[in-house]
C-alpha cells in the first residue's frame, strides 16, 4: 500500500505532535523491554506514535501500549524455532535501519531528532513502502503493519478509535448509506 499525499500529511501532523527528541541522558534512562533493548523499544515506540498518533478522536499508539505489546510478543517467541529466531533478528535490523536512516540524514539517531526531522525520516522510509528495497523501507513497512495490528487489537483501538460497542442487537441501522 502506497502512502498518498493525504496520508503523508496526517503522518507529518502526528510526528509534529509527538514528544520532542530525547537528549542523551533521557535516552540512556529508557527501560529495557522483555526482548528489545531500551533504545530499540524507544525507537519502536516513537515510530509507532508517528504512524498512529494521538488526535482529538482517540489516543495514539503510545497510549495503546503498541511497543510494549509487540515487545512482549517477540519475547514469547522461542528463539530455538528457526522462523521465530529469524523474525526476532529481522525486527532488530528494522529498528536499526530506521535509526541509521536518521543518522544518515541528520547525524543523530531517531530519538534525538526534532519532530520535523522525524517527519522527514519517516516520509523517506515510507516512500518505498509499496515495493520496499532499502532496509529502512522494509523497516517502515514492518512497523506500519505491526503497529496497525497491535493498535486495532487494543482496547483503545477497538473501543475508542473504532467505537466498537460489543455484540448488541441494533434495532435500526446506525451507519451511513453507501453512495
Protein backbone atom coordinates (compact mmCIF):
# COMPACT_ATOMS: atom_id res chain seq x y z
CA UNK A 1 0.00 0.00 0.00
CA UNK A 2 1.42 3.37 -1.01
CA UNK A 3 1.03 6.49 1.05
CA UNK A 4 -0.89 9.20 -0.73
CA UNK A 5 -0.44 12.92 -0.09
CA UNK A 6 -3.23 12.97 2.49
CA UNK A 7 -1.73 10.09 4.49
CA UNK A 8 1.70 11.76 4.44
CA UNK A 9 0.17 14.99 5.77
CA UNK A 10 -1.57 13.06 8.56
CA UNK A 11 1.72 11.34 9.35
CA UNK A 12 3.55 14.66 9.41
CA UNK A 13 0.97 16.20 11.73
CA UNK A 14 1.26 13.24 14.08
CA UNK A 15 5.03 13.49 14.21
CA UNK A 16 4.79 17.21 14.92
CA UNK A 17 2.56 16.48 17.91
CA UNK A 18 4.83 13.74 19.21
CA UNK A 19 7.20 14.47 22.04
CA UNK A 20 10.41 16.28 21.12
CA UNK A 21 13.65 14.37 20.64
CA UNK A 22 15.37 12.86 23.65
CA UNK A 23 18.67 14.10 24.94
CA UNK A 24 21.45 11.62 25.76
CA UNK A 25 20.55 11.31 29.46
CA UNK A 26 16.88 10.62 28.70
CA UNK A 27 17.76 8.02 26.07
CA UNK A 28 20.11 6.27 28.50
CA UNK A 29 17.38 6.11 31.17
CA UNK A 30 14.87 4.27 29.00
CA UNK A 31 13.65 0.90 30.27
CA UNK A 32 14.67 -2.39 28.75
CA UNK A 33 11.93 -4.39 27.10
CA UNK A 34 11.21 -8.06 27.57
CA UNK A 35 13.02 -8.74 24.29
CA UNK A 36 14.07 -5.40 22.84
CA UNK A 37 16.90 -3.35 24.25
CA UNK A 38 15.96 0.04 25.71
CA UNK A 39 16.88 2.04 22.60
CA UNK A 40 15.14 -0.42 20.26
CA UNK A 41 11.98 -0.27 22.34
CA UNK A 42 12.09 3.55 22.40
CA UNK A 43 12.63 3.74 18.62
CA UNK A 44 9.68 1.39 18.11
CA UNK A 45 7.54 3.46 20.48
CA UNK A 46 8.39 6.73 18.64
CA UNK A 47 7.89 5.16 15.23
CA UNK A 48 4.55 3.63 16.23
CA UNK A 49 3.38 7.00 17.56
CA UNK A 50 4.42 8.63 14.27
CA UNK A 51 2.37 6.04 12.39
CA UNK A 52 -0.73 6.24 14.63
CA UNK A 53 -0.54 9.48 16.60
CA UNK A 54 -2.92 10.70 19.26
CA UNK A 55 -5.57 13.05 17.93
CA UNK A 56 -8.82 14.65 19.05
CA UNK A 57 -10.73 11.39 18.43
CA UNK A 58 -8.56 8.86 20.22
CA UNK A 59 -5.21 8.24 21.91
CA UNK A 60 -2.35 7.09 19.73
CA UNK A 61 -0.12 4.05 19.57
CA UNK A 62 1.84 5.09 22.65
CA UNK A 63 -1.27 5.24 24.84
CA UNK A 64 -2.37 1.87 23.47
CA UNK A 65 0.96 0.33 24.51
CA UNK A 66 1.79 -0.82 20.99
CA UNK A 67 5.57 -1.03 21.50
CA UNK A 68 5.27 -2.95 24.78
CA UNK A 69 2.73 -5.33 23.22
CA UNK A 70 4.97 -6.07 20.23
CA UNK A 71 7.99 -6.45 22.52
CA UNK A 72 6.10 -8.97 24.69
CA UNK A 73 5.07 -10.94 21.61
CA UNK A 74 8.66 -11.08 20.39
CA UNK A 75 9.85 -12.16 23.85
CA UNK A 76 7.36 -15.03 23.85
CA UNK A 77 8.71 -16.43 20.57
CA UNK A 78 11.14 -19.24 21.27
CA UNK A 79 14.46 -18.47 19.56
CA UNK A 80 15.05 -22.21 19.13
CA UNK A 81 12.40 -22.19 16.42
CA UNK A 82 14.24 -21.01 13.29
CA UNK A 83 11.39 -18.89 11.86
CA UNK A 84 10.95 -17.08 15.16
CA UNK A 85 14.68 -16.59 15.60
CA UNK A 86 14.79 -15.06 12.11
CA UNK A 87 11.82 -12.81 12.89
CA UNK A 88 13.40 -11.56 16.12
CA UNK A 89 16.66 -10.83 14.27
CA UNK A 90 14.82 -9.00 11.47
CA UNK A 91 12.94 -6.79 13.95
CA UNK A 92 16.23 -5.64 15.44
CA UNK A 93 17.53 -4.96 11.92
CA UNK A 94 14.37 -3.00 11.02
CA UNK A 95 14.67 -0.73 14.04
CA UNK A 96 18.40 -0.26 13.49
CA UNK A 97 17.70 0.69 9.86
CA UNK A 98 15.29 3.47 10.90
CA UNK A 99 17.86 4.75 13.40
CA UNK A 100 20.60 4.53 10.74
CA UNK A 101 18.48 6.45 8.23
CA UNK A 102 18.07 9.22 10.80
CA UNK A 103 21.84 9.29 11.32
CA UNK A 104 22.45 9.40 7.56
CA UNK A 105 20.02 12.26 7.12
CA UNK A 106 20.70 14.34 10.25
CA UNK A 107 23.79 12.90 12.00
CA UNK A 108 21.60 12.00 15.01
CA UNK A 109 19.63 8.93 15.97
CA UNK A 110 15.85 8.80 15.52
CA UNK A 111 15.18 9.51 19.20
CA UNK A 112 17.33 12.63 19.21
CA UNK A 113 15.61 14.25 16.22
CA UNK A 114 13.16 17.12 16.29
CA UNK A 115 9.57 16.45 15.23
CA UNK A 116 10.23 17.91 11.76
CA UNK A 117 13.33 15.77 11.31
CA UNK A 118 11.42 12.63 12.38
CA UNK A 119 8.77 13.53 9.82
CA UNK A 120 11.42 13.66 7.12
CA UNK A 121 12.90 10.30 8.17
CA UNK A 122 9.51 8.59 8.30
CA UNK A 123 8.47 10.10 4.96
CA UNK A 124 11.67 8.87 3.31
CA UNK A 125 11.27 5.38 4.80
CA UNK A 126 7.60 5.30 3.76
CA UNK A 127 8.31 6.38 0.19
CA UNK A 128 9.16 2.84 -0.95
CA UNK A 129 6.52 1.08 1.09
CA UNK A 130 4.80 -0.48 -1.94
CA UNK A 131 7.99 -2.25 -3.00
CA UNK A 132 10.50 -1.76 -0.19
CA UNK A 133 14.10 -2.12 -1.26
CA UNK A 134 16.20 -0.40 1.38
CA UNK A 135 16.47 -1.66 4.96
CA UNK A 136 14.68 1.48 6.22
CA UNK A 137 11.80 0.98 3.77
CA UNK A 138 11.47 -2.64 4.88
CA UNK A 139 11.65 -1.49 8.50
CA UNK A 140 8.92 1.08 7.99
CA UNK A 141 6.64 -1.43 6.24
CA UNK A 142 7.08 -3.90 9.10
CA UNK A 143 6.49 -1.18 11.72
CA UNK A 144 3.35 0.09 9.99
CA UNK A 145 1.84 -3.38 9.64
CA UNK A 146 2.63 -4.37 13.21
CA UNK A 147 1.56 -1.02 14.68
CA UNK A 148 -1.82 -1.23 12.96
CA UNK A 149 -2.34 -4.83 14.05
CA UNK A 150 -1.40 -4.14 17.66
CA UNK A 151 -3.29 -0.85 17.89
CA UNK A 152 -6.53 -2.17 16.45
CA UNK A 153 -6.27 -5.22 18.73
CA UNK A 154 -6.03 -2.99 21.80
CA UNK A 155 -8.86 -1.66 23.94
CA UNK A 156 -8.04 1.86 22.79
CA UNK A 157 -8.03 0.92 19.11
CA UNK A 158 -11.19 -1.16 19.28
CA UNK A 159 -13.32 0.90 21.64
CA UNK A 160 -12.06 4.48 21.34
CA UNK A 161 -10.91 4.61 17.71
CA UNK A 162 -13.36 2.18 16.12
CA UNK A 163 -16.09 2.88 18.71
CA UNK A 164 -16.98 -0.80 18.89
CA UNK A 165 -19.88 -1.25 21.31
CA UNK A 166 -19.84 -5.02 21.54
CA UNK A 167 -22.19 -7.65 20.24
CA UNK A 168 -25.54 -5.96 20.71
CA UNK A 169 -28.82 -6.14 18.88
CA UNK A 170 -29.36 -3.00 16.85
CA UNK A 171 -32.97 -2.11 16.15
CA UNK A 172 -32.03 0.33 13.40
CA UNK A 173 -29.11 0.92 11.03
CA UNK A 174 -26.62 3.30 12.70
CA UNK A 175 -24.11 3.64 9.87
CA UNK A 176 -24.12 5.72 6.73
CA UNK A 177 -25.75 4.69 3.50
CA UNK A 178 -23.35 3.85 0.67
CA UNK A 179 -23.18 6.50 -2.03
